[in-house]
Amino acid sequence: MADKPAAEPYTPTAETTLGDICRHFEPEWFASLPADIQSQYDETLLNDVSGEKACITNNEERATVGWASVHVNAYGKKEAIEYVAALEVDISCPSVILTAVAYDNETGDIIDTDSAYDTDSVGVSFRNTCEDLEPDHEYRVDALGMVTPPAGCTIDGLMDDTDIVTTR
């Protein structure tokens, strides 16, 4: 992850999309995405998730051709949290995109995001650290994964995984 300036916390609503939060925390990264991926993020509500695994189905044969999954592991540090997020697919897909969203678990405010995007890929992953946080405070990290399946296939939807951690 390249260093980025700290953004003010973001208070999500029921209408907040992934595009909204990425524009707030990662505007340059978001602007660099292809228009169709930006549109997907603009249309995907932050709370519109389907679980940590998703089935990739061949539409013609109605058969499972692959699986995708997303995982996040967070660790409490002294006035910081560190997390590792990953999106893995067992068949190559035209695009894979992963966004991790860090929340203050008490207020529900988003304090940071980090994202990765790749094409013709079987996954992406990254590690991030959020520093200068309150000591002995609970934070939540959600990893949200989206996959564009191969032609003729569909996927269940936005995948998610969550970890909750307390700073020291």
N, C-alpha and C. Protein backbone atom coordinates (compact mmCIF):
# COMPACT_ATOMS: atom_id res chain seq x y z
N MET A 1 0.84 -1.18 0.00
CA MET A 1 0.00 0.00 0.00
C MET A 1 0.88 1.24 0.00
N ALA A 2 0.60 2.15 -0.87
CA ALA A 2 1.32 3.41 -0.88
C ALA A 2 0.80 4.29 0.24
N ASP A 3 1.67 5.13 0.79
CA ASP A 3 1.21 6.04 1.83
C ASP A 3 0.14 6.94 1.25
N LYS A 4 -0.89 7.16 2.05
CA LYS A 4 -1.96 8.05 1.62
C LYS A 4 -2.27 8.98 2.78
N PRO A 5 -2.73 10.18 2.50
CA PRO A 5 -3.04 11.09 3.59
C PRO A 5 -4.21 10.56 4.41
N ALA A 6 -4.17 10.81 5.70
CA ALA A 6 -5.25 10.37 6.59
C ALA A 6 -6.51 11.15 6.26
N ALA A 7 -7.60 10.43 6.15
CA ALA A 7 -8.89 11.07 5.88
C ALA A 7 -9.70 11.11 7.17
N GLU A 8 -10.61 12.02 7.23
CA GLU A 8 -11.53 12.10 8.37
C GLU A 8 -12.37 10.83 8.41
N PRO A 9 -12.79 10.38 9.60
CA PRO A 9 -13.68 9.22 9.67
C PRO A 9 -14.94 9.46 8.84
N TYR A 10 -15.54 8.38 8.40
CA TYR A 10 -16.73 8.43 7.54
C TYR A 10 -17.84 7.70 8.26
N THR A 11 -18.98 8.33 8.43
CA THR A 11 -20.13 7.70 9.08
C THR A 11 -21.04 7.12 8.01
N PRO A 12 -21.06 5.77 7.88
CA PRO A 12 -21.88 5.17 6.82
C PRO A 12 -23.37 5.19 7.17
N THR A 13 -24.20 5.17 6.13
CA THR A 13 -25.65 5.04 6.28
C THR A 13 -26.09 3.77 5.57
N ALA A 14 -27.37 3.49 5.58
CA ALA A 14 -27.89 2.31 4.88
C ALA A 14 -27.70 2.43 3.37
N GLU A 15 -27.49 3.65 2.86
CA GLU A 15 -27.33 3.89 1.42
C GLU A 15 -25.87 4.01 0.98
N THR A 16 -24.93 3.87 1.91
CA THR A 16 -23.51 4.02 1.56
C THR A 16 -23.06 2.87 0.66
N THR A 17 -22.35 3.23 -0.41
CA THR A 17 -21.83 2.23 -1.33
C THR A 17 -20.32 2.08 -1.15
N LEU A 18 -19.79 1.00 -1.73
CA LEU A 18 -18.34 0.82 -1.73
C LEU A 18 -17.67 1.96 -2.48
N GLY A 19 -18.31 2.46 -3.53
CA GLY A 19 -17.76 3.60 -4.25
C GLY A 19 -17.64 4.84 -3.38
N ASP A 20 -18.65 5.08 -2.54
CA ASP A 20 -18.62 6.23 -1.63
C ASP A 20 -17.39 6.19 -0.72
N ILE A 21 -17.16 5.04 -0.10
CA ILE A 21 -16.05 4.99 0.87
C ILE A 21 -14.69 4.97 0.19
N CYS A 22 -14.60 4.34 -0.98
CA CYS A 22 -13.32 4.34 -1.69
C CYS A 22 -12.99 5.74 -2.21
N ARG A 23 -13.98 6.49 -2.66
CA ARG A 23 -13.73 7.87 -3.08
C ARG A 23 -13.26 8.72 -1.90
N HIS A 24 -13.77 8.43 -0.70
CA HIS A 24 -13.41 9.20 0.49
C HIS A 24 -11.98 8.87 0.95
N PHE A 25 -11.66 7.58 1.03
CA PHE A 25 -10.37 7.17 1.59
C PHE A 25 -9.27 6.92 0.56
N GLU A 26 -9.64 6.54 -0.66
CA GLU A 26 -8.66 6.18 -1.69
C GLU A 26 -9.03 6.79 -3.04
N PRO A 27 -9.17 8.11 -3.12
CA PRO A 27 -9.68 8.73 -4.35
C PRO A 27 -8.82 8.46 -5.58
N GLU A 28 -7.51 8.51 -5.45
CA GLU A 28 -6.65 8.28 -6.61
C GLU A 28 -6.74 6.84 -7.09
N TRP A 29 -6.74 5.89 -6.14
CA TRP A 29 -6.86 4.48 -6.50
C TRP A 29 -8.19 4.24 -7.20
N PHE A 30 -9.28 4.77 -6.62
CA PHE A 30 -10.60 4.55 -7.20
C PHE A 30 -10.69 5.14 -8.60
N ALA A 31 -10.15 6.33 -8.79
CA ALA A 31 -10.19 6.98 -10.10
C ALA A 31 -9.41 6.19 -11.15
N SER A 32 -8.43 5.39 -10.71
CA SER A 32 -7.62 4.62 -11.66
C SER A 32 -8.31 3.33 -12.13
N LEU A 33 -9.42 2.95 -11.50
CA LEU A 33 -10.13 1.73 -11.88
C LEU A 33 -10.86 1.91 -13.20
N PRO A 34 -11.05 0.82 -13.95
CA PRO A 34 -11.87 0.90 -15.16
C PRO A 34 -13.30 1.37 -14.81
N ALA A 35 -13.94 2.04 -15.74
CA ALA A 35 -15.28 2.60 -15.51
C ALA A 35 -16.29 1.54 -15.08
N ASP A 36 -16.22 0.32 -15.66
CA ASP A 36 -17.19 -0.71 -15.28
C ASP A 36 -17.01 -1.17 -13.83
N ILE A 37 -15.78 -1.18 -13.35
CA ILE A 37 -15.53 -1.57 -11.95
C ILE A 37 -15.99 -0.44 -11.02
N GLN A 38 -15.73 0.81 -11.40
CA GLN A 38 -16.23 1.94 -10.61
C GLN A 38 -17.76 1.87 -10.51
N SER A 39 -18.42 1.55 -11.62
CA SER A 39 -19.89 1.44 -11.61
C SER A 39 -20.36 0.34 -10.68
N GLN A 40 -19.67 -0.81 -10.70
CA GLN A 40 -20.03 -1.89 -9.78
C GLN A 40 -19.93 -1.42 -8.34
N TYR A 41 -18.84 -0.73 -8.01
CA TYR A 41 -18.66 -0.24 -6.64
C TYR A 41 -19.70 0.82 -6.30
N ASP A 42 -20.07 1.65 -7.27
CA ASP A 42 -21.09 2.68 -7.03
C ASP A 42 -22.47 2.07 -6.81
N GLU A 43 -22.71 0.88 -7.34
CA GLU A 43 -24.02 0.23 -7.22
C GLU A 43 -24.09 -0.76 -6.06
N THR A 44 -22.96 -1.03 -5.39
CA THR A 44 -22.93 -2.05 -4.35
C THR A 44 -22.99 -1.40 -2.97
N LEU A 45 -24.10 -1.65 -2.28
CA LEU A 45 -24.25 -1.13 -0.93
C LEU A 45 -23.25 -1.81 0.00
N LEU A 46 -22.72 -1.05 0.93
CA LEU A 46 -21.72 -1.55 1.86
C LEU A 46 -22.21 -2.76 2.65
N ASN A 47 -23.49 -2.81 2.93
CA ASN A 47 -24.03 -3.92 3.74
C ASN A 47 -24.71 -5.00 2.90
N ASP A 48 -24.50 -5.00 1.58
CA ASP A 48 -25.14 -5.96 0.68
C ASP A 48 -24.19 -7.13 0.41
N VAL A 49 -24.01 -7.97 1.42
CA VAL A 49 -23.02 -9.05 1.33
C VAL A 49 -23.70 -10.42 1.37
N SER A 50 -22.96 -11.43 0.86
CA SER A 50 -23.56 -12.76 0.76
C SER A 50 -22.84 -13.84 1.57
N GLY A 51 -21.73 -13.52 2.22
CA GLY A 51 -20.99 -14.52 2.98
C GLY A 51 -19.55 -14.58 2.53
N GLU A 52 -18.74 -15.40 3.21
CA GLU A 52 -17.32 -15.38 2.90
C GLU A 52 -16.93 -16.24 1.71
N LYS A 53 -17.85 -17.10 1.22
CA LYS A 53 -17.57 -17.92 0.03
C LYS A 53 -18.67 -17.69 -1.00
N ALA A 54 -18.30 -17.82 -2.27
CA ALA A 54 -19.28 -17.68 -3.34
C ALA A 54 -19.01 -18.73 -4.40
N CYS A 55 -20.08 -19.27 -4.94
CA CYS A 55 -20.01 -20.31 -5.97
C CYS A 55 -20.01 -19.66 -7.35
N ILE A 56 -19.09 -20.11 -8.21
CA ILE A 56 -19.07 -19.67 -9.60
C ILE A 56 -19.73 -20.78 -10.42
N THR A 57 -20.81 -20.42 -11.12
CA THR A 57 -21.64 -21.41 -11.83
C THR A 57 -21.62 -21.15 -13.32
N ASN A 58 -21.49 -22.23 -14.09
CA ASN A 58 -21.61 -22.15 -15.54
C ASN A 58 -23.09 -22.09 -15.86
N ASN A 59 -23.54 -21.03 -16.52
CA ASN A 59 -24.96 -20.81 -16.78
C ASN A 59 -25.57 -21.88 -17.68
N GLU A 60 -24.84 -22.31 -18.70
CA GLU A 60 -25.38 -23.27 -19.66
C GLU A 60 -25.52 -24.66 -19.04
N GLU A 61 -24.50 -25.09 -18.34
CA GLU A 61 -24.50 -26.44 -17.75
C GLU A 61 -25.10 -26.49 -16.35
N ARG A 62 -25.33 -25.32 -15.76
CA ARG A 62 -25.83 -25.23 -14.37
C ARG A 62 -24.94 -26.04 -13.42
N ALA A 63 -23.65 -25.94 -13.64
CA ALA A 63 -22.69 -26.70 -12.83
C ALA A 63 -21.71 -25.73 -12.16
N THR A 64 -21.28 -26.09 -10.97
CA THR A 64 -20.26 -25.31 -10.27
C THR A 64 -18.93 -25.51 -10.96
N VAL A 65 -18.28 -24.40 -11.31
CA VAL A 65 -16.98 -24.47 -11.97
C VAL A 65 -15.87 -23.91 -11.09
N GLY A 66 -16.24 -23.30 -9.96
CA GLY A 66 -15.23 -22.75 -9.07
C GLY A 66 -15.82 -22.09 -7.85
N TRP A 67 -14.92 -21.73 -6.95
CA TRP A 67 -15.30 -21.06 -5.71
C TRP A 67 -14.40 -19.85 -5.51
N ALA A 68 -14.95 -18.85 -4.86
CA ALA A 68 -14.17 -17.68 -4.44
C ALA A 68 -14.40 -17.49 -2.95
N SER A 69 -13.38 -17.01 -2.25
CA SER A 69 -13.54 -16.76 -0.81
C SER A 69 -12.69 -15.55 -0.40
N VAL A 70 -13.13 -14.91 0.66
CA VAL A 70 -12.44 -13.75 1.20
C VAL A 70 -12.18 -13.98 2.69
N HIS A 71 -11.01 -13.51 3.15
CA HIS A 71 -10.61 -13.71 4.55
C HIS A 71 -9.92 -12.45 5.07
N VAL A 72 -10.09 -12.18 6.36
CA VAL A 72 -9.35 -11.10 7.00
C VAL A 72 -8.95 -11.57 8.40
N ASN A 73 -7.73 -11.24 8.79
CA ASN A 73 -7.23 -11.49 10.14
C ASN A 73 -6.65 -10.19 10.66
N ALA A 74 -7.15 -9.74 11.82
CA ALA A 74 -6.69 -8.48 12.40
C ALA A 74 -5.98 -8.75 13.72
N TYR A 75 -5.02 -7.86 14.04
CA TYR A 75 -4.21 -8.01 15.23
C TYR A 75 -4.14 -6.67 15.95
N GLY A 76 -4.35 -6.69 17.28
CA GLY A 76 -4.25 -5.47 18.07
C GLY A 76 -2.80 -5.19 18.43
N LYS A 77 -2.40 -3.95 18.29
CA LYS A 77 -1.07 -3.49 18.66
C LYS A 77 -1.23 -2.29 19.56
N LYS A 78 -0.10 -1.73 19.99
CA LYS A 78 -0.16 -0.54 20.83
C LYS A 78 -0.70 0.63 20.01
N GLU A 79 -1.91 1.05 20.33
CA GLU A 79 -2.61 2.16 19.67
C GLU A 79 -2.66 1.99 18.15
N ALA A 80 -2.76 0.72 17.70
CA ALA A 80 -2.83 0.44 16.26
C ALA A 80 -3.50 -0.92 16.05
N ILE A 81 -3.96 -1.12 14.83
CA ILE A 81 -4.39 -2.45 14.40
C ILE A 81 -3.69 -2.75 13.09
N GLU A 82 -3.39 -4.01 12.90
CA GLU A 82 -2.81 -4.48 11.65
C GLU A 82 -3.72 -5.58 11.14
N TYR A 83 -3.90 -5.62 9.83
CA TYR A 83 -4.73 -6.69 9.28
C TYR A 83 -4.18 -7.17 7.95
N VAL A 84 -4.51 -8.42 7.66
CA VAL A 84 -4.17 -9.04 6.39
C VAL A 84 -5.49 -9.48 5.77
N ALA A 85 -5.72 -9.08 4.52
CA ALA A 85 -6.95 -9.43 3.82
C ALA A 85 -6.58 -10.15 2.52
N ALA A 86 -7.40 -11.13 2.14
CA ALA A 86 -7.13 -11.88 0.92
C ALA A 86 -8.43 -12.29 0.25
N LEU A 87 -8.41 -12.28 -1.07
CA LEU A 87 -9.49 -12.80 -1.90
C LEU A 87 -8.86 -13.85 -2.79
N GLU A 88 -9.38 -15.08 -2.71
CA GLU A 88 -8.82 -16.19 -3.47
C GLU A 88 -9.91 -16.81 -4.33
N VAL A 89 -9.53 -17.15 -5.57
CA VAL A 89 -10.45 -17.79 -6.51
C VAL A 89 -9.73 -19.01 -7.07
N ASP A 90 -10.46 -20.12 -7.24
CA ASP A 90 -9.76 -21.33 -7.73
C ASP A 90 -9.78 -21.49 -9.25
N ILE A 91 -10.31 -20.48 -9.97
CA ILE A 91 -10.16 -20.43 -11.43
C ILE A 91 -9.83 -18.98 -11.80
N SER A 92 -9.10 -18.78 -12.86
CA SER A 92 -8.75 -17.43 -13.28
C SER A 92 -10.01 -16.67 -13.69
N CYS A 93 -10.12 -15.44 -13.21
CA CYS A 93 -11.29 -14.61 -13.51
C CYS A 93 -10.85 -13.29 -14.15
N PRO A 94 -11.72 -12.70 -14.98
CA PRO A 94 -11.37 -11.45 -15.66
C PRO A 94 -10.96 -10.33 -14.70
N SER A 95 -11.61 -10.24 -13.52
CA SER A 95 -11.19 -9.25 -12.54
C SER A 95 -11.53 -9.71 -11.14
N VAL A 96 -10.68 -9.34 -10.20
CA VAL A 96 -10.91 -9.58 -8.78
C VAL A 96 -10.59 -8.27 -8.06
N ILE A 97 -11.43 -7.95 -7.09
CA ILE A 97 -11.25 -6.69 -6.36
C ILE A 97 -11.59 -6.92 -4.89
N LEU A 98 -10.75 -6.37 -4.02
CA LEU A 98 -10.88 -6.57 -2.58
C LEU A 98 -10.74 -5.23 -1.88
N THR A 99 -11.66 -4.94 -0.98
CA THR A 99 -11.57 -3.74 -0.15
C THR A 99 -11.74 -4.15 1.30
N ALA A 100 -10.81 -3.70 2.14
CA ALA A 100 -10.93 -3.90 3.59
C ALA A 100 -11.37 -2.58 4.19
N VAL A 101 -12.35 -2.64 5.08
CA VAL A 101 -12.93 -1.47 5.71
C VAL A 101 -12.72 -1.59 7.21
N ALA A 102 -12.01 -0.62 7.81
CA ALA A 102 -11.75 -0.62 9.24
C ALA A 102 -12.71 0.35 9.92
N TYR A 103 -13.40 -0.14 10.96
CA TYR A 103 -14.40 0.63 11.68
C TYR A 103 -14.00 0.82 13.14
N ASP A 104 -14.41 1.92 13.72
CA ASP A 104 -14.44 2.06 15.17
C ASP A 104 -15.67 1.27 15.59
N ASN A 105 -15.49 0.18 16.32
CA ASN A 105 -16.62 -0.71 16.61
C ASN A 105 -17.63 -0.08 17.56
N GLU A 106 -17.23 0.96 18.29
CA GLU A 106 -18.15 1.62 19.21
C GLU A 106 -19.04 2.62 18.48
N THR A 107 -18.45 3.45 17.62
CA THR A 107 -19.22 4.50 16.94
C THR A 107 -19.79 4.04 15.60
N GLY A 108 -19.18 3.01 15.00
CA GLY A 108 -19.59 2.56 13.68
C GLY A 108 -18.97 3.36 12.55
N ASP A 109 -18.15 4.37 12.90
CA ASP A 109 -17.48 5.17 11.88
C ASP A 109 -16.40 4.36 11.18
N ILE A 110 -16.27 4.59 9.88
CA ILE A 110 -15.18 3.98 9.12
C ILE A 110 -13.95 4.86 9.33
N ILE A 111 -12.83 4.22 9.71
CA ILE A 111 -11.61 4.99 9.97
C ILE A 111 -10.57 4.85 8.85
N ASP A 112 -10.70 3.82 8.01
CA ASP A 112 -9.73 3.63 6.94
C ASP A 112 -10.21 2.53 6.00
N THR A 113 -9.70 2.56 4.78
CA THR A 113 -9.91 1.46 3.84
C THR A 113 -8.59 1.18 3.13
N ASP A 114 -8.50 0.00 2.57
CA ASP A 114 -7.40 -0.35 1.68
C ASP A 114 -7.98 -1.30 0.64
N SER A 115 -7.47 -1.23 -0.59
CA SER A 115 -8.06 -2.00 -1.68
C SER A 115 -6.99 -2.52 -2.63
N ALA A 116 -7.37 -3.56 -3.37
CA ALA A 116 -6.51 -4.11 -4.42
C ALA A 116 -7.39 -4.61 -5.55
N TYR A 117 -6.88 -4.48 -6.77
CA TYR A 117 -7.60 -4.88 -7.98
C TYR A 117 -6.62 -5.55 -8.92
N ASP A 118 -7.05 -6.65 -9.58
CA ASP A 118 -6.21 -7.30 -10.56
C ASP A 118 -7.09 -7.89 -11.65
N THR A 119 -6.50 -8.09 -12.83
CA THR A 119 -7.22 -8.68 -13.95
C THR A 119 -6.60 -10.03 -14.29
N ASP A 120 -7.42 -10.89 -14.91
CA ASP A 120 -6.98 -12.25 -15.28
C ASP A 120 -6.21 -12.88 -14.13
N SER A 121 -6.90 -13.03 -13.02
CA SER A 121 -6.24 -13.37 -11.77
C SER A 121 -7.00 -14.42 -10.97
N VAL A 122 -6.29 -15.01 -10.03
CA VAL A 122 -6.90 -15.95 -9.08
C VAL A 122 -6.90 -15.36 -7.67
N GLY A 123 -6.61 -14.07 -7.54
CA GLY A 123 -6.71 -13.46 -6.23
C GLY A 123 -5.83 -12.26 -6.01
N VAL A 124 -6.10 -11.58 -4.90
CA VAL A 124 -5.32 -10.44 -4.43
C VAL A 124 -5.25 -10.50 -2.91
N SER A 125 -4.22 -9.86 -2.36
CA SER A 125 -4.10 -9.78 -0.90
C SER A 125 -3.26 -8.56 -0.54
N PHE A 126 -3.38 -8.14 0.71
CA PHE A 126 -2.57 -7.03 1.20
C PHE A 126 -2.57 -7.03 2.72
N ARG A 127 -1.62 -6.26 3.26
CA ARG A 127 -1.47 -6.03 4.70
C ARG A 127 -1.56 -4.53 4.91
N ASN A 128 -2.24 -4.11 5.97
CA ASN A 128 -2.37 -2.69 6.26
C ASN A 128 -2.30 -2.48 7.77
N THR A 129 -1.85 -1.30 8.16
CA THR A 129 -1.81 -0.91 9.57
C THR A 129 -2.51 0.43 9.73
N CYS A 130 -3.39 0.51 10.71
CA CYS A 130 -4.04 1.77 11.09
C CYS A 130 -3.42 2.19 12.41
N GLU A 131 -2.80 3.37 12.44
CA GLU A 131 -2.08 3.82 13.63
C GLU A 131 -2.77 5.01 14.27
N ASP A 132 -2.23 5.42 15.42
CA ASP A 132 -2.74 6.57 16.19
C ASP A 132 -4.19 6.36 16.60
N LEU A 133 -4.49 5.13 17.05
CA LEU A 133 -5.85 4.79 17.50
C LEU A 133 -5.93 4.86 19.02
N GLU A 134 -7.16 4.83 19.51
CA GLU A 134 -7.37 4.84 20.96
C GLU A 134 -6.84 3.54 21.58
N PRO A 135 -6.16 3.62 22.72
CA PRO A 135 -5.73 2.39 23.38
C PRO A 135 -6.91 1.66 24.01
N ASP A 136 -6.80 0.34 24.13
CA ASP A 136 -7.84 -0.49 24.75
C ASP A 136 -9.21 -0.23 24.15
N HIS A 137 -9.27 -0.14 22.84
CA HIS A 137 -10.51 0.18 22.14
C HIS A 137 -10.76 -0.89 21.08
N GLU A 138 -12.03 -1.20 20.86
CA GLU A 138 -12.39 -2.26 19.92
C GLU A 138 -12.62 -1.70 18.51
N TYR A 139 -12.03 -2.39 17.53
CA TYR A 139 -12.17 -2.04 16.12
C TYR A 139 -12.61 -3.28 15.35
N ARG A 140 -13.26 -3.05 14.21
CA ARG A 140 -13.72 -4.13 13.35
C ARG A 140 -13.15 -3.92 11.96
N VAL A 141 -12.74 -5.01 11.32
CA VAL A 141 -12.27 -4.94 9.94
C VAL A 141 -13.12 -5.89 9.11
N ASP A 142 -13.76 -5.35 8.06
CA ASP A 142 -14.53 -6.15 7.11
C ASP A 142 -13.74 -6.22 5.81
N ALA A 143 -13.55 -7.41 5.29
CA ALA A 143 -12.97 -7.59 3.96
C ALA A 143 -14.11 -7.90 3.00
N LEU A 144 -14.18 -7.15 1.91
CA LEU A 144 -15.27 -7.27 0.94
C LEU A 144 -14.67 -7.59 -0.42
N GLY A 145 -15.06 -8.73 -0.98
CA GLY A 145 -14.49 -9.17 -2.25
C GLY A 145 -15.53 -9.27 -3.35
N MET A 146 -15.12 -8.89 -4.56
CA MET A 146 -15.99 -8.94 -5.72
C MET A 146 -15.20 -9.56 -6.88
N VAL A 147 -15.84 -10.47 -7.59
CA VAL A 147 -15.19 -11.17 -8.69
C VAL A 147 -16.04 -11.04 -9.94
N THR A 148 -15.40 -10.76 -11.08
CA THR A 148 -16.06 -10.84 -12.37
C THR A 148 -15.76 -12.24 -12.89
N PRO A 149 -16.77 -13.12 -12.98
CA PRO A 149 -16.51 -14.50 -13.38
C PRO A 149 -16.21 -14.61 -14.88
N PRO A 150 -15.67 -15.75 -15.30
CA PRO A 150 -15.43 -15.96 -16.73
C PRO A 150 -16.74 -15.86 -17.53
N ALA A 151 -16.61 -15.61 -18.83
CA ALA A 151 -17.77 -15.51 -19.71
C ALA A 151 -18.65 -16.76 -19.58
N GLY A 152 -19.95 -16.56 -19.55
CA GLY A 152 -20.90 -17.66 -19.44
C GLY A 152 -21.12 -18.15 -18.03
N CYS A 153 -20.53 -17.46 -17.05
CA CYS A 153 -20.65 -17.88 -15.65
C CYS A 153 -21.23 -16.74 -14.81
N THR A 154 -21.78 -17.11 -13.67
CA THR A 154 -22.26 -16.14 -12.68
C THR A 154 -21.65 -16.48 -11.33
N ILE A 155 -21.72 -15.50 -10.42
CA ILE A 155 -21.23 -15.70 -9.05
C ILE A 155 -22.29 -15.15 -8.10
N ASP A 156 -22.34 -15.73 -6.90
CA ASP A 156 -23.40 -15.42 -5.94
C ASP A 156 -23.48 -13.94 -5.56
N GLY A 157 -22.36 -13.23 -5.39
CA GLY A 157 -22.43 -11.83 -5.01
C GLY A 157 -21.19 -11.37 -4.27
N LEU A 158 -21.35 -10.26 -3.54
CA LEU A 158 -20.27 -9.67 -2.77
C LEU A 158 -19.95 -10.57 -1.57
N MET A 159 -18.68 -10.93 -1.43
CA MET A 159 -18.26 -11.79 -0.31
C MET A 159 -17.72 -10.92 0.81
N ASP A 160 -17.83 -11.43 2.03
CA ASP A 160 -17.31 -10.67 3.17
C ASP A 160 -16.80 -11.58 4.27
N ASP A 161 -15.88 -11.06 5.03
CA ASP A 161 -15.38 -11.70 6.25
C ASP A 161 -15.09 -10.56 7.23
N THR A 162 -15.22 -10.84 8.51
CA THR A 162 -15.06 -9.83 9.55
C THR A 162 -14.17 -10.32 10.66
N ASP A 163 -13.36 -9.44 11.21
CA ASP A 163 -12.58 -9.73 12.40
C ASP A 163 -12.69 -8.52 13.33
N ILE A 164 -12.77 -8.79 14.62
CA ILE A 164 -12.84 -7.74 15.63
C ILE A 164 -11.61 -7.85 16.50
N VAL A 165 -11.01 -6.69 16.81
CA VAL A 165 -9.74 -6.68 17.52
C VAL A 165 -9.73 -5.47 18.49
N THR A 166 -8.97 -5.61 19.57
CA THR A 166 -8.81 -4.53 20.54
C THR A 166 -7.36 -4.06 20.55
N THR A 167 -7.20 -2.74 20.50
CA THR A 167 -5.86 -2.19 20.58
C THR A 167 -5.32 -2.34 22.00
N ARG A 168 -4.00 -2.25 22.10
CA ARG A 168 -3.39 -2.28 23.45
C ARG A 168 -3.10 -0.88 23.90
